[in-house]
Amino acid sequence: MSRRAAALLAAAVLGIGALAGCGGGSSSSSTTATEAGKTASSLPKPKPPPPNAEEGTVFVSLGSAAGLGEVLVNSEGRTLYAFSGEECESACAKAWPPLLDESGEPQPSNGTAASRLGTVKRPDGTTQVTYAGHPLYAFGGDKAPGEANGNGESAFGGTWTALKGNGEPAG
């Protein structure tokens, strides 16, 4: 057998062994991770912004979030939240980044209502997007589209809530 044929045979055997090692197993953490992966990957993604959209345009869309159904999301499909407290600045704004739009003209997409979109000036002079009068924030604890880990969270003197398309709290 030539060296090349032997190398290919060895690679094939190793590949089959690696695949066999990936199967089975009955640990509950493995099952939970697999189920969580299926849940996150099976969620519908929001429609992308229109192809003629100007660069830098901020879109607010409807997208699916695990356990909540359709909620407001940003252009990347990340859940957006309203805050029941007075203001979110400094450390709060690092954990819960405000959805900013310096053009002052956020755009609706995928089922959101233009009449509910607006902006408000923040104390630092930036312009924050609002929906149904609620300033919108993302959550640093959401690592992927479809997550809503901040929903119902109490922090920084208020409660954080994902919003439905009608501007009401989700779930």
C-alpha atoms as a PDB file:
ATOM      1  CA  MET A   1       0.000   0.000   0.000  1.00  0.00           C
ATOM      2  CA  SER A   2       1.380   3.431  -0.906  1.00  0.00           C
ATOM      3  CA  ARG A   3       2.025   6.089   1.734  1.00  0.00           C
ATOM      4  CA  ARG A   4      -0.725   8.254   0.270  1.00  0.00           C
ATOM      5  CA  ALA A   5      -3.289   5.439   0.408  1.00  0.00           C
ATOM      6  CA  ALA A   6      -2.239   4.614   3.992  1.00  0.00           C
ATOM      7  CA  ALA A   7      -2.606   8.262   5.009  1.00  0.00           C
ATOM      8  CA  LEU A   8      -6.068   8.480   3.448  1.00  0.00           C
ATOM      9  CA  LEU A   9      -7.126   5.244   5.160  1.00  0.00           C
ATOM     10  CA  ALA A  10      -5.855   6.517   8.532  1.00  0.00           C
ATOM     11  CA  ALA A  11      -7.692   9.832   8.067  1.00  0.00           C
ATOM     12  CA  ALA A  12     -10.909   7.997   7.205  1.00  0.00           C
ATOM     13  CA  VAL A  13     -10.647   5.751  10.268  1.00  0.00           C
ATOM     14  CA  LEU A  14      -9.995   8.747  12.522  1.00  0.00           C
ATOM     15  CA  GLY A  15     -12.926  10.638  10.989  1.00  0.00           C
ATOM     16  CA  ILE A  16     -15.307   7.711  11.546  1.00  0.00           C
ATOM     17  CA  GLY A  17     -14.071   7.359  15.121  1.00  0.00           C
ATOM     18  CA  ALA A  18     -14.624  11.048  15.766  1.00  0.00           C
ATOM     19  CA  LEU A  19     -18.155  10.859  14.390  1.00  0.00           C
ATOM     20  CA  ALA A  20     -18.946   7.819  16.505  1.00  0.00           C
ATOM     21  CA  GLY A  21     -17.725   9.689  19.585  1.00  0.00           C
ATOM     22  CA  CYS A  22     -20.151  12.527  18.876  1.00  0.00           C
ATOM     23  CA  GLY A  23     -23.255  10.364  19.126  1.00  0.00           C
ATOM     24  CA  GLY A  24     -25.101   8.887  22.046  1.00  0.00           C
ATOM     25  CA  GLY A  25     -24.499   9.689  25.633  1.00  0.00           C
ATOM     26  CA  SER A  26     -27.282  10.222  28.078  1.00  0.00           C
ATOM     27  CA  SER A  27     -26.044  13.062  30.229  1.00  0.00           C
ATOM     28  CA  SER A  28     -28.804  15.551  30.969  1.00  0.00           C
ATOM     29  CA  SER A  29     -26.562  18.557  30.244  1.00  0.00           C
ATOM     30  CA  SER A  30     -25.907  17.226  26.729  1.00  0.00           C
ATOM     31  CA  THR A  31     -29.630  16.770  26.133  1.00  0.00           C
ATOM     32  CA  THR A  32     -30.429  20.216  27.507  1.00  0.00           C
ATOM     33  CA  ALA A  33     -27.813  21.886  25.306  1.00  0.00           C
ATOM     34  CA  THR A  34     -29.115  20.046  22.252  1.00  0.00           C
ATOM     35  CA  GLU A  35     -32.711  20.986  23.020  1.00  0.00           C
ATOM     36  CA  ALA A  36     -31.723  24.614  23.618  1.00  0.00           C
ATOM     37  CA  GLY A  37     -29.845  24.670  20.322  1.00  0.00           C
ATOM     38  CA  LYS A  38     -32.895  23.335  18.493  1.00  0.00           C
ATOM     39  CA  THR A  39     -35.114  25.950  20.109  1.00  0.00           C
ATOM     40  CA  ALA A  40     -32.842  28.860  19.220  1.00  0.00           C
ATOM     41  CA  SER A  41     -32.146  27.682  15.687  1.00  0.00           C
ATOM     42  CA  SER A  42     -35.801  26.893  14.961  1.00  0.00           C
ATOM     43  CA  LEU A  43     -36.962  30.434  15.718  1.00  0.00           C
ATOM     44  CA  PRO A  44     -37.874  32.426  12.624  1.00  0.00           C
ATOM     45  CA  LYS A  45     -35.477  35.264  11.912  1.00  0.00           C
ATOM     46  CA  PRO A  46     -36.763  38.776  11.201  1.00  0.00           C
ATOM     47  CA  LYS A  47     -36.910  39.804   7.584  1.00  0.00           C
ATOM     48  CA  PRO A  48     -33.802  41.730   6.533  1.00  0.00           C
ATOM     49  CA  PRO A  49     -34.100  45.479   5.923  1.00  0.00           C
ATOM     50  CA  PRO A  50     -35.170  46.478   2.422  1.00  0.00           C
ATOM     51  CA  PRO A  51     -32.330  46.292  -0.122  1.00  0.00           C
ATOM     52  CA  ASN A  52     -32.638  50.011  -0.907  1.00  0.00           C
ATOM     53  CA  ALA A  53     -32.178  51.046   2.752  1.00  0.00           C
ATOM     54  CA  GLU A  54     -29.510  53.643   3.405  1.00  0.00           C
ATOM     55  CA  GLU A  55     -26.518  52.520   5.420  1.00  0.00           C
ATOM     56  CA  GLY A  56     -26.941  53.491   9.053  1.00  0.00           C
ATOM     57  CA  THR A  57     -30.740  53.372   8.951  1.00  0.00           C
ATOM     58  CA  VAL A  58     -32.114  51.959  12.192  1.00  0.00           C
ATOM     59  CA  PHE A  59     -34.918  49.417  11.791  1.00  0.00           C
ATOM     60  CA  VAL A  60     -37.319  48.140  14.433  1.00  0.00           C
ATOM     61  CA  SER A  61     -38.900  44.838  13.417  1.00  0.00           C
ATOM     62  CA  LEU A  62     -40.928  41.986  14.817  1.00  0.00           C
ATOM     63  CA  GLY A  63     -39.022  38.793  15.474  1.00  0.00           C
ATOM     64  CA  SER A  64     -39.499  35.690  17.589  1.00  0.00           C
ATOM     65  CA  ALA A  65     -38.061  35.346  21.066  1.00  0.00           C
ATOM     66  CA  ALA A  66     -37.947  32.067  22.972  1.00  0.00           C
ATOM     67  CA  GLY A  67     -40.979  31.752  25.232  1.00  0.00           C
ATOM     68  CA  LEU A  68     -42.459  35.121  24.244  1.00  0.00           C
ATOM     69  CA  GLY A  69     -43.528  34.835  20.616  1.00  0.00           C
ATOM     70  CA  GLU A  70     -43.248  37.946  18.456  1.00  0.00           C
ATOM     71  CA  VAL A  71     -41.465  40.888  20.060  1.00  0.00           C
ATOM     72  CA  LEU A  72     -39.660  44.015  18.908  1.00  0.00           C
ATOM     73  CA  VAL A  73     -36.127  43.371  17.651  1.00  0.00           C
ATOM     74  CA  ASN A  74     -33.324  45.478  16.211  1.00  0.00           C
ATOM     75  CA  SER A  75     -31.738  45.118  12.758  1.00  0.00           C
ATOM     76  CA  GLU A  76     -29.707  42.108  13.971  1.00  0.00           C
ATOM     77  CA  GLY A  77     -32.758  40.323  15.373  1.00  0.00           C
ATOM     78  CA  ARG A  78     -31.867  41.046  19.019  1.00  0.00           C
ATOM     79  CA  THR A  79     -34.763  41.562  21.429  1.00  0.00           C
ATOM     80  CA  LEU A  80     -35.536  45.149  22.412  1.00  0.00           C
ATOM     81  CA  TYR A  81     -36.733  46.106  25.892  1.00  0.00           C
ATOM     82  CA  ALA A  82     -38.563  48.919  27.667  1.00  0.00           C
ATOM     83  CA  PHE A  83     -37.463  50.075  31.137  1.00  0.00           C
ATOM     84  CA  SER A  84     -39.935  50.948  33.907  1.00  0.00           C
ATOM     85  CA  GLY A  85     -37.375  53.053  35.808  1.00  0.00           C
ATOM     86  CA  GLU A  86     -36.583  56.731  35.411  1.00  0.00           C
ATOM     87  CA  GLU A  87     -33.363  56.761  33.350  1.00  0.00           C
ATOM     88  CA  CYS A  88     -30.724  54.328  32.177  1.00  0.00           C
ATOM     89  CA  GLU A  89     -27.267  55.930  32.031  1.00  0.00           C
ATOM     90  CA  SER A  90     -23.639  55.046  32.839  1.00  0.00           C
ATOM     91  CA  ALA A  91     -23.367  51.468  34.152  1.00  0.00           C
ATOM     92  CA  CYS A  92     -26.990  50.814  33.242  1.00  0.00           C
ATOM     93  CA  ALA A  93     -26.425  51.848  29.607  1.00  0.00           C
ATOM     94  CA  LYS A  94     -23.404  49.539  29.425  1.00  0.00           C
ATOM     95  CA  ALA A  95     -25.493  46.525  30.505  1.00  0.00           C
ATOM     96  CA  TRP A  96     -28.586  47.688  28.588  1.00  0.00           C
ATOM     97  CA  PRO A  97     -27.379  49.644  25.533  1.00  0.00           C
ATOM     98  CA  PRO A  98     -29.947  52.141  24.259  1.00  0.00           C
ATOM     99  CA  LEU A  99     -31.069  51.806  20.628  1.00  0.00           C
ATOM    100  CA  LEU A 100     -29.630  55.010  19.149  1.00  0.00           C
ATOM    101  CA  ASP A 101     -30.449  56.670  15.830  1.00  0.00           C
ATOM    102  CA  GLU A 102     -28.561  59.854  15.070  1.00  0.00           C
ATOM    103  CA  SER A 103     -30.608  60.412  11.889  1.00  0.00           C
ATOM    104  CA  GLY A 104     -33.713  60.687  14.084  1.00  0.00           C
ATOM    105  CA  GLU A 105     -35.709  58.655  11.574  1.00  0.00           C
ATOM    106  CA  PRO A 106     -36.029  55.011  12.680  1.00  0.00           C
ATOM    107  CA  GLN A 107     -37.843  52.808  10.193  1.00  0.00           C
ATOM    108  CA  PRO A 108     -40.505  50.130  10.760  1.00  0.00           C
ATOM    109  CA  SER A 109     -39.961  46.680   9.295  1.00  0.00           C
ATOM    110  CA  ASN A 110     -41.629  43.268   9.345  1.00  0.00           C
ATOM    111  CA  GLY A 111     -44.918  44.296  10.957  1.00  0.00           C
ATOM    112  CA  THR A 112     -44.047  47.200  13.250  1.00  0.00           C
ATOM    113  CA  ALA A 113     -46.075  50.415  13.039  1.00  0.00           C
ATOM    114  CA  ALA A 114     -44.450  53.630  11.815  1.00  0.00           C
ATOM    115  CA  SER A 115     -46.959  55.585  13.929  1.00  0.00           C
ATOM    116  CA  ARG A 116     -45.530  54.003  17.112  1.00  0.00           C
ATOM    117  CA  LEU A 117     -41.880  54.795  16.278  1.00  0.00           C
ATOM    118  CA  GLY A 118     -40.251  57.945  17.580  1.00  0.00           C
ATOM    119  CA  THR A 119     -37.128  59.321  19.205  1.00  0.00           C
ATOM    120  CA  VAL A 120     -36.152  61.099  22.384  1.00  0.00           C
ATOM    121  CA  LYS A 121     -33.008  63.046  23.320  1.00  0.00           C
ATOM    122  CA  ARG A 122     -30.974  61.415  26.060  1.00  0.00           C
ATOM    123  CA  PRO A 123     -29.211  63.470  28.772  1.00  0.00           C
ATOM    124  CA  ASP A 124     -25.892  62.886  26.929  1.00  0.00           C
ATOM    125  CA  GLY A 125     -27.344  64.469  23.752  1.00  0.00           C
ATOM    126  CA  THR A 126     -27.734  61.251  21.729  1.00  0.00           C
ATOM    127  CA  THR A 127     -31.031  60.333  20.091  1.00  0.00           C
ATOM    128  CA  GLN A 128     -32.743  57.161  21.315  1.00  0.00           C
ATOM    129  CA  VAL A 129     -35.438  55.235  19.445  1.00  0.00           C
ATOM    130  CA  THR A 130     -38.829  54.856  21.127  1.00  0.00           C
ATOM    131  CA  TYR A 131     -41.799  52.614  20.381  1.00  0.00           C
ATOM    132  CA  ALA A 132     -45.265  53.497  21.683  1.00  0.00           C
ATOM    133  CA  GLY A 133     -43.520  56.077  23.870  1.00  0.00           C
ATOM    134  CA  HIS A 134     -41.078  53.570  25.423  1.00  0.00           C
ATOM    135  CA  PRO A 135     -37.329  54.202  24.951  1.00  0.00           C
ATOM    136  CA  LEU A 136     -35.803  50.979  23.554  1.00  0.00           C
ATOM    137  CA  TYR A 137     -32.776  49.072  24.864  1.00  0.00           C
ATOM    138  CA  ALA A 138     -30.931  45.867  24.012  1.00  0.00           C
ATOM    139  CA  PHE A 139     -29.573  43.561  26.737  1.00  0.00           C
ATOM    140  CA  GLY A 140     -25.918  42.557  27.001  1.00  0.00           C
ATOM    141  CA  GLY A 141     -27.007  39.156  28.331  1.00  0.00           C
ATOM    142  CA  ASP A 142     -28.687  38.279  25.023  1.00  0.00           C
ATOM    143  CA  LYS A 143     -25.956  36.715  22.921  1.00  0.00           C
ATOM    144  CA  ALA A 144     -27.963  35.694  19.851  1.00  0.00           C
ATOM    145  CA  PRO A 145     -31.141  36.574  17.970  1.00  0.00           C
ATOM    146  CA  GLY A 146     -34.183  34.950  19.533  1.00  0.00           C
ATOM    147  CA  GLU A 147     -32.951  35.267  23.109  1.00  0.00           C
ATOM    148  CA  ALA A 148     -34.920  37.296  25.663  1.00  0.00           C
ATOM    149  CA  ASN A 149     -32.864  36.736  28.815  1.00  0.00           C
ATOM    150  CA  GLY A 150     -33.629  40.234  30.091  1.00  0.00           C
ATOM    151  CA  ASN A 151     -37.414  39.933  30.065  1.00  0.00           C
ATOM    152  CA  GLY A 152     -38.769  40.500  33.582  1.00  0.00           C
ATOM    153  CA  GLU A 153     -35.298  41.356  34.933  1.00  0.00           C
ATOM    154  CA  SER A 154     -35.232  43.880  37.791  1.00  0.00           C
ATOM    155  CA  ALA A 155     -32.115  46.025  37.659  1.00  0.00           C
ATOM    156  CA  PHE A 156     -31.052  49.673  37.946  1.00  0.00           C
ATOM    157  CA  GLY A 157     -34.228  50.729  39.721  1.00  0.00           C
ATOM    158  CA  GLY A 158     -36.786  49.267  37.337  1.00  0.00           C
ATOM    159  CA  THR A 159     -38.025  46.258  35.423  1.00  0.00           C
ATOM    160  CA  TRP A 160     -37.057  45.364  31.855  1.00  0.00           C
ATOM    161  CA  THR A 161     -39.758  44.092  29.524  1.00  0.00           C
ATOM    162  CA  ALA A 162     -39.744  42.910  25.917  1.00  0.00           C
ATOM    163  CA  LEU A 163     -42.515  44.573  23.900  1.00  0.00           C
ATOM    164  CA  LYS A 164     -45.060  43.171  21.458  1.00  0.00           C
ATOM    165  CA  GLY A 165     -45.850  44.937  18.193  1.00  0.00           C
ATOM    166  CA  ASN A 166     -48.717  46.829  19.829  1.00  0.00           C
ATOM    167  CA  GLY A 167     -46.297  48.331  22.376  1.00  0.00           C
ATOM    168  CA  GLU A 168     -47.585  46.221  25.277  1.00  0.00           C
ATOM    169  CA  PRO A 169     -45.343  44.030  27.447  1.00  0.00           C
ATOM    170  CA  ALA A 170     -44.701  40.523  26.141  1.00  0.00           C
ATOM    171  CA  GLY A 171     -45.294  37.408  28.252  1.00  0.00           C
END
